[in-house]
Protein backbone atom coordinates (compact mmCIF):
# COMPACT_ATOMS: atom_id res chain seq x y z
CA UNK A 1 115.64 97.20 113.19
CA UNK A 2 112.07 95.79 112.57
CA UNK A 3 112.11 93.12 109.79
CA UNK A 4 108.31 93.18 109.34
CA UNK A 5 107.58 94.20 105.60
CA UNK A 6 104.52 96.46 106.79
CA UNK A 7 106.83 98.38 109.30
CA UNK A 8 109.55 98.82 106.49
CA UNK A 9 107.06 100.49 104.26
CA UNK A 10 105.80 102.78 107.04
CA UNK A 11 109.51 103.56 107.73
CA UNK A 12 110.32 104.31 104.23
CA UNK A 13 107.42 106.45 103.57
CA UNK A 14 107.40 108.31 106.97
CA UNK A 15 104.32 106.88 109.03
CA UNK A 16 100.54 106.51 108.67
CA UNK A 17 99.91 109.95 107.20
CA UNK A 18 102.24 109.47 104.69
CA UNK A 19 101.12 106.19 103.66
CA UNK A 20 97.72 107.34 103.44
CA UNK A 21 98.32 110.18 101.36
CA UNK A 22 100.51 107.93 98.95
CA UNK A 23 97.69 105.48 98.57
CA UNK A 24 95.09 108.25 97.99
CA UNK A 25 97.42 109.76 95.29
CA UNK A 26 97.14 106.28 93.70
CA UNK A 27 93.37 106.25 93.80
CA UNK A 28 92.93 104.31 96.95
CA UNK A 29 91.50 106.61 99.35
CA UNK A 30 92.45 105.27 103.03
CA UNK A 31 92.59 107.44 106.31
CA UNK A 32 95.73 107.50 108.44
CA UNK A 33 93.89 106.04 111.28
CA UNK A 34 93.25 102.87 109.17
CA UNK A 35 97.06 102.80 108.05
CA UNK A 36 97.82 103.18 111.90
CA UNK A 37 95.76 100.03 112.41
CA UNK A 38 97.75 98.00 109.91
CA UNK A 39 101.13 99.10 111.36
CA UNK A 40 100.05 98.19 114.91
CA UNK A 41 98.79 94.79 113.70
CA UNK A 42 101.81 94.22 111.59
CA UNK A 43 99.85 93.09 108.53
CA UNK A 44 97.44 94.43 105.95
CA UNK A 45 93.68 94.05 106.73
CA UNK A 46 91.54 90.82 105.93
CA UNK A 47 90.34 92.45 102.66
CA UNK A 48 93.63 92.18 101.28
CA UNK A 49 93.73 88.52 101.48
CA UNK A 50 90.50 87.93 100.04
CA UNK A 51 91.05 89.95 97.07
CA UNK A 52 88.75 92.87 97.79
CA UNK A 53 91.62 95.40 97.92
CA UNK A 54 94.87 96.09 96.18
CA UNK A 55 97.12 97.79 98.99
CA UNK A 56 100.07 95.35 98.70
CA UNK A 57 100.59 96.43 95.05
CA UNK A 58 100.01 99.92 95.69
CA UNK A 59 102.43 100.00 98.76
CA UNK A 60 105.14 98.12 96.62
CA UNK A 61 104.73 100.86 93.94
CA UNK A 62 104.77 103.58 96.53
CA UNK A 63 108.16 102.36 97.96
CA UNK A 64 109.69 101.89 94.50
CA UNK A 65 109.79 98.06 94.88
CA UNK A 66 112.14 98.31 98.26
CA UNK A 67 109.27 96.02 99.81
CA UNK A 68 107.33 93.72 97.59
CA UNK A 69 103.78 92.81 97.64
CA UNK A 70 104.67 89.09 98.15
CA UNK A 71 106.58 89.93 101.03
CA UNK A 72 103.60 92.01 102.49
CA UNK A 73 101.04 89.37 101.71
CA UNK A 74 103.27 86.52 103.03
CA UNK A 75 103.83 88.40 106.42
CA UNK A 76 100.02 88.45 106.77
CA UNK A 77 99.69 84.75 106.07
CA UNK A 78 101.85 83.87 108.91
CA UNK A 79 100.19 83.36 112.20
CA UNK A 80 101.91 84.61 115.40
CA UNK A 81 103.96 81.97 117.26
CA UNK A 82 101.45 81.91 120.15
CA UNK A 83 98.73 80.77 117.94
CA UNK A 84 100.85 78.30 116.16
CA UNK A 85 101.45 76.79 119.46
CA UNK A 86 97.92 76.35 120.58
């Protein structure tokens, strides 16, 4: 089982298309392709960490709090192990 919060969101909602649909229903239009990029990267986009978007809160609401916005944001702040070693 993957412990990455973004992966958990996608697992709970059913994949990139479902994530896209849920966010669009909340007034945040996003394509499944963009959502798939988050899943592959294991984090939300840079705009989430600069305050330009509100994906983390919307995703927390979409999964009924099973994954928190704080957990989603914390995951993105962590650098991969290879980067930390460099």
